[in-house]
Amino acid sequence: MEEKNKAAAAKRHPLAKYGQPQDISQAIAFLLSDNSSWVTGQVIGVDGGLGKLRL
């Protein structure tokens, strides 16, 4: 993707930035850790809020 297209996509995003692979990997690391032992049956959106936009 060209830089100007990435910048335009980032502007439309609630956090005004483009997601990075580490954003996903940090959520996965949490879910695989003992820190998430009390988390059950949840859908965790790792999309920076994009899934909550109403267009």
PDB file of N, CA and C in Angstrom:
ATOM      1  N   MET A   1       0.848  -1.171   0.000  1.00  0.00           N
ATOM      2  CA  MET A   1       0.000   0.000   0.000  1.00  0.00           C
ATOM      3  C   MET A   1       0.899   1.241   0.000  1.00  0.00           C
ATOM      4  N   GLU A   2       0.530   2.220  -0.797  1.00  0.00           N
ATOM      5  CA  GLU A   2       1.309   3.451  -0.865  1.00  0.00           C
ATOM      6  C   GLU A   2       1.157   4.258   0.423  1.00  0.00           C
ATOM      7  N   GLU A   3       2.173   5.046   0.708  1.00  0.00           N
ATOM      8  CA  GLU A   3       2.170   5.836   1.946  1.00  0.00           C
ATOM      9  C   GLU A   3       0.978   6.787   2.016  1.00  0.00           C
ATOM     10  N   LYS A   4       0.603   7.413   0.901  1.00  0.00           N
ATOM     11  CA  LYS A   4      -0.533   8.352   0.951  1.00  0.00           C
ATOM     12  C   LYS A   4      -1.831   7.609   1.246  1.00  0.00           C
ATOM     13  N   ASN A   5      -1.961   6.382   0.744  1.00  0.00           N
ATOM     14  CA  ASN A   5      -3.152   5.584   1.048  1.00  0.00           C
ATOM     15  C   ASN A   5      -3.170   5.152   2.501  1.00  0.00           C
ATOM     16  N   LYS A   6      -1.999   4.799   3.039  1.00  0.00           N
ATOM     17  CA  LYS A   6      -1.918   4.426   4.453  1.00  0.00           C
ATOM     18  C   LYS A   6      -2.281   5.610   5.342  1.00  0.00           C
ATOM     19  N   ALA A   7      -1.816   6.803   4.975  1.00  0.00           N
ATOM     20  CA  ALA A   7      -2.121   8.005   5.762  1.00  0.00           C
ATOM     21  C   ALA A   7      -3.618   8.305   5.726  1.00  0.00           C
ATOM     22  N   ALA A   8      -4.240   8.144   4.567  1.00  0.00           N
ATOM     23  CA  ALA A   8      -5.682   8.391   4.446  1.00  0.00           C
ATOM     24  C   ALA A   8      -6.463   7.382   5.275  1.00  0.00           C
ATOM     25  N   ALA A   9      -6.046   6.115   5.257  1.00  0.00           N
ATOM     26  CA  ALA A   9      -6.717   5.084   6.062  1.00  0.00           C
ATOM     27  C   ALA A   9      -6.561   5.379   7.544  1.00  0.00           C
ATOM     28  N   ALA A  10      -5.390   5.822   7.951  1.00  0.00           N
ATOM     29  CA  ALA A  10      -5.143   6.146   9.362  1.00  0.00           C
ATOM     30  C   ALA A  10      -6.045   7.290   9.826  1.00  0.00           C
ATOM     31  N   LYS A  11      -6.289   8.271   8.976  1.00  0.00           N
ATOM     32  CA  LYS A  11      -7.147   9.405   9.345  1.00  0.00           C
ATOM     33  C   LYS A  11      -8.581   8.963   9.607  1.00  0.00           C
ATOM     34  N   ARG A  12      -9.039   7.929   8.911  1.00  0.00           N
ATOM     35  CA  ARG A  12     -10.414   7.446   9.103  1.00  0.00           C
ATOM     36  C   ARG A  12     -10.554   6.569  10.333  1.00  0.00           C
ATOM     37  N   HIS A  13      -9.455   6.172  10.910  1.00  0.00           N
ATOM     38  CA  HIS A  13      -9.446   5.268  12.055  1.00  0.00           C
ATOM     39  C   HIS A  13      -9.665   6.046  13.354  1.00  0.00           C
ATOM     40  N   PRO A  14     -10.401   5.499  14.314  1.00  0.00           N
ATOM     41  CA  PRO A  14     -10.660   6.214  15.576  1.00  0.00           C
ATOM     42  C   PRO A  14      -9.389   6.638  16.322  1.00  0.00           C
ATOM     43  N   LEU A  15      -8.336   5.847  16.240  1.00  0.00           N
ATOM     44  CA  LEU A  15      -7.093   6.196  16.934  1.00  0.00           C
ATOM     45  C   LEU A  15      -6.128   6.980  16.061  1.00  0.00           C
ATOM     46  N   ALA A  16      -6.523   7.259  14.824  1.00  0.00           N
ATOM     47  CA  ALA A  16      -5.728   8.032  13.868  1.00  0.00           C
ATOM     48  C   ALA A  16      -4.337   7.443  13.649  1.00  0.00           C
ATOM     49  N   LYS A  17      -4.260   6.118  13.643  1.00  0.00           N
ATOM     50  CA  LYS A  17      -2.999   5.459  13.333  1.00  0.00           C
ATOM     51  C   LYS A  17      -3.279   4.104  12.727  1.00  0.00           C
ATOM     52  N   TYR A  18      -2.300   3.587  12.066  1.00  0.00           N
ATOM     53  CA  TYR A  18      -2.391   2.293  11.399  1.00  0.00           C
ATOM     54  C   TYR A  18      -1.943   1.230  12.388  1.00  0.00           C
ATOM     55  N   GLY A  19      -2.690   0.149  12.516  1.00  0.00           N
ATOM     56  CA  GLY A  19      -2.334  -0.925  13.437  1.00  0.00           C
ATOM     57  C   GLY A  19      -1.052  -1.631  13.038  1.00  0.00           C
ATOM     58  N   GLN A  20      -0.344  -2.137  14.020  1.00  0.00           N
ATOM     59  CA  GLN A  20       0.932  -2.817  13.812  1.00  0.00           C
ATOM     60  C   GLN A  20       0.811  -4.274  14.273  1.00  0.00           C
ATOM     61  N   PRO A  21       1.661  -5.154  13.742  1.00  0.00           N
ATOM     62  CA  PRO A  21       1.615  -6.557  14.169  1.00  0.00           C
ATOM     63  C   PRO A  21       1.760  -6.732  15.678  1.00  0.00           C
ATOM     64  N   GLN A  22       2.548  -5.889  16.336  1.00  0.00           N
ATOM     65  CA  GLN A  22       2.718  -6.023  17.782  1.00  0.00           C
ATOM     66  C   GLN A  22       1.429  -5.709  18.543  1.00  0.00           C
ATOM     67  N   ASP A  23       0.511  -4.962  17.928  1.00  0.00           N
ATOM     68  CA  ASP A  23      -0.786  -4.717  18.566  1.00  0.00           C
ATOM     69  C   ASP A  23      -1.544  -6.032  18.737  1.00  0.00           C
ATOM     70  N   ILE A  24      -1.477  -6.884  17.738  1.00  0.00           N
ATOM     71  CA  ILE A  24      -2.123  -8.192  17.799  1.00  0.00           C
ATOM     72  C   ILE A  24      -1.353  -9.138  18.716  1.00  0.00           C
ATOM     73  N   SER A  25      -0.030  -9.155  18.558  1.00  0.00           N
ATOM     74  CA  SER A  25       0.783 -10.109  19.326  1.00  0.00           C
ATOM     75  C   SER A  25       0.723  -9.834  20.826  1.00  0.00           C
ATOM     76  N   GLN A  26       0.577  -8.581  21.231  1.00  0.00           N
ATOM     77  CA  GLN A  26       0.468  -8.273  22.658  1.00  0.00           C
ATOM     78  C   GLN A  26      -0.834  -8.812  23.238  1.00  0.00           C
ATOM     79  N   ALA A  27      -1.911  -8.738  22.464  1.00  0.00           N
ATOM     80  CA  ALA A  27      -3.185  -9.296  22.924  1.00  0.00           C
ATOM     81  C   ALA A  27      -3.090 -10.815  23.035  1.00  0.00           C
ATOM     82  N   ILE A  28      -2.438 -11.437  22.071  1.00  0.00           N
ATOM     83  CA  ILE A  28      -2.263 -12.891  22.105  1.00  0.00           C
ATOM     84  C   ILE A  28      -1.417 -13.294  23.304  1.00  0.00           C
ATOM     85  N   ALA A  29      -0.332 -12.555  23.541  1.00  0.00           N
ATOM     86  CA  ALA A  29       0.539 -12.865  24.680  1.00  0.00           C
ATOM     87  C   ALA A  29      -0.233 -12.771  25.992  1.00  0.00           C
ATOM     88  N   PHE A  30      -1.107 -11.770  26.114  1.00  0.00           N
ATOM     89  CA  PHE A  30      -1.933 -11.647  27.314  1.00  0.00           C
ATOM     90  C   PHE A  30      -2.844 -12.861  27.473  1.00  0.00           C
ATOM     91  N   LEU A  31      -3.509 -13.246  26.384  1.00  0.00           N
ATOM     92  CA  LEU A  31      -4.447 -14.362  26.463  1.00  0.00           C
ATOM     93  C   LEU A  31      -3.760 -15.691  26.773  1.00  0.00           C
ATOM     94  N   LEU A  32      -2.508 -15.821  26.387  1.00  0.00           N
ATOM     95  CA  LEU A  32      -1.755 -17.039  26.663  1.00  0.00           C
ATOM     96  C   LEU A  32      -1.085 -17.025  28.038  1.00  0.00           C
ATOM     97  N   SER A  33      -1.108 -15.877  28.699  1.00  0.00           N
ATOM     98  CA  SER A  33      -0.438 -15.748  29.992  1.00  0.00           C
ATOM     99  C   SER A  33      -1.365 -16.104  31.151  1.00  0.00           C
ATOM    100  N   ASP A  34      -0.794 -16.244  32.336  1.00  0.00           N
ATOM    101  CA  ASP A  34      -1.583 -16.482  33.541  1.00  0.00           C
ATOM    102  C   ASP A  34      -2.432 -15.266  33.911  1.00  0.00           C
ATOM    103  N   ASN A  35      -2.095 -14.085  33.395  1.00  0.00           N
ATOM    104  CA  ASN A  35      -2.868 -12.877  33.690  1.00  0.00           C
ATOM    105  C   ASN A  35      -4.286 -12.943  33.142  1.00  0.00           C
ATOM    106  N   SER A  36      -4.533 -13.825  32.182  1.00  0.00           N
ATOM    107  CA  SER A  36      -5.871 -13.930  31.602  1.00  0.00           C
ATOM    108  C   SER A  36      -6.634 -15.146  32.121  1.00  0.00           C
ATOM    109  N   SER A  37      -6.181 -15.722  33.209  1.00  0.00           N
ATOM    110  CA  SER A  37      -6.790 -16.956  33.698  1.00  0.00           C
ATOM    111  C   SER A  37      -8.246 -16.779  34.127  1.00  0.00           C
ATOM    112  N   TRP A  38      -8.703 -15.568  34.355  1.00  0.00           N
ATOM    113  CA  TRP A  38     -10.074 -15.319  34.784  1.00  0.00           C
ATOM    114  C   TRP A  38     -10.942 -14.839  33.618  1.00  0.00           C
ATOM    115  N   VAL A  39     -10.373 -14.771  32.428  1.00  0.00           N
ATOM    116  CA  VAL A  39     -11.100 -14.344  31.233  1.00  0.00           C
ATOM    117  C   VAL A  39     -11.682 -15.583  30.568  1.00  0.00           C
ATOM    118  N   THR A  40     -13.001 -15.599  30.395  1.00  0.00           N
ATOM    119  CA  THR A  40     -13.656 -16.740  29.752  1.00  0.00           C
ATOM    120  C   THR A  40     -14.730 -16.250  28.796  1.00  0.00           C
ATOM    121  N   GLY A  41     -14.857 -16.923  27.673  1.00  0.00           N
ATOM    122  CA  GLY A  41     -15.951 -16.700  26.743  1.00  0.00           C
ATOM    123  C   GLY A  41     -16.104 -15.287  26.236  1.00  0.00           C
ATOM    124  N   GLN A  42     -15.028 -14.601  25.963  1.00  0.00           N
ATOM    125  CA  GLN A  42     -15.113 -13.224  25.504  1.00  0.00           C
ATOM    126  C   GLN A  42     -14.672 -13.104  24.056  1.00  0.00           C
ATOM    127  N   VAL A  43     -15.255 -12.139  23.378  1.00  0.00           N
ATOM    128  CA  VAL A  43     -14.780 -11.742  22.055  1.00  0.00           C
ATOM    129  C   VAL A  43     -14.019 -10.443  22.276  1.00  0.00           C
ATOM    130  N   ILE A  44     -12.738 -10.487  22.019  1.00  0.00           N
ATOM    131  CA  ILE A  44     -11.895  -9.313  22.263  1.00  0.00           C
ATOM    132  C   ILE A  44     -11.514  -8.728  20.910  1.00  0.00           C
ATOM    133  N   GLY A  45     -12.047  -7.560  20.625  1.00  0.00           N
ATOM    134  CA  GLY A  45     -11.734  -6.878  19.367  1.00  0.00           C
ATOM    135  C   GLY A  45     -10.405  -6.160  19.474  1.00  0.00           C
ATOM    136  N   VAL A  46      -9.475  -6.539  18.650  1.00  0.00           N
ATOM    137  CA  VAL A  46      -8.163  -5.874  18.633  1.00  0.00           C
ATOM    138  C   VAL A  46      -8.090  -5.128  17.308  1.00  0.00           C
ATOM    139  N   ASP A  47      -8.882  -4.068  17.223  1.00  0.00           N
ATOM    140  CA  ASP A  47      -8.960  -3.290  15.990  1.00  0.00           C
ATOM    141  C   ASP A  47      -8.908  -1.788  16.260  1.00  0.00           C
ATOM    142  N   GLY A  48      -8.513  -1.419  17.455  1.00  0.00           N
ATOM    143  CA  GLY A  48      -8.382  -0.011  17.785  1.00  0.00           C
ATOM    144  C   GLY A  48      -9.684   0.764  17.770  1.00  0.00           C
ATOM    145  N   GLY A  49     -10.801   0.071  17.860  1.00  0.00           N
ATOM    146  CA  GLY A  49     -12.103   0.727  17.886  1.00  0.00           C
ATOM    147  C   GLY A  49     -12.803   0.786  16.551  1.00  0.00           C
ATOM    148  N   LEU A  50     -12.143   0.360  15.491  1.00  0.00           N
ATOM    149  CA  LEU A  50     -12.721   0.456  14.157  1.00  0.00           C
ATOM    150  C   LEU A  50     -14.033  -0.323  14.045  1.00  0.00           C
ATOM    151  N   GLY A  51     -14.135  -1.443  14.733  1.00  0.00           N
ATOM    152  CA  GLY A  51     -15.343  -2.256  14.689  1.00  0.00           C
ATOM    153  C   GLY A  51     -16.539  -1.616  15.372  1.00  0.00           C
ATOM    154  N   LYS A  52     -16.332  -0.574  16.140  1.00  0.00           N
ATOM    155  CA  LYS A  52     -17.418   0.096  16.847  1.00  0.00           C
ATOM    156  C   LYS A  52     -17.942   1.305  16.097  1.00  0.00           C
ATOM    157  N   LEU A  53     -17.316   1.663  14.980  1.00  0.00           N
ATOM    158  CA  LEU A  53     -17.782   2.833  14.211  1.00  0.00           C
ATOM    159  C   LEU A  53     -19.116   2.518  13.566  1.00  0.00           C
ATOM    160  N   ARG A  54     -19.971   3.505  13.537  1.00  0.00           N
ATOM    161  CA  ARG A  54     -21.244   3.388  12.829  1.00  0.00           C
ATOM    162  C   ARG A  54     -21.174   4.320  11.628  1.00  0.00           C
ATOM    163  N   LEU A  55     -21.199   3.706  10.497  1.00  0.00           N
ATOM    164  CA  LEU A  55     -21.062   4.504   9.271  1.00  0.00           C
ATOM    165  C   LEU A  55     -22.394   4.871   8.685  1.00  0.00           C
TER     166      LEU A  55
END
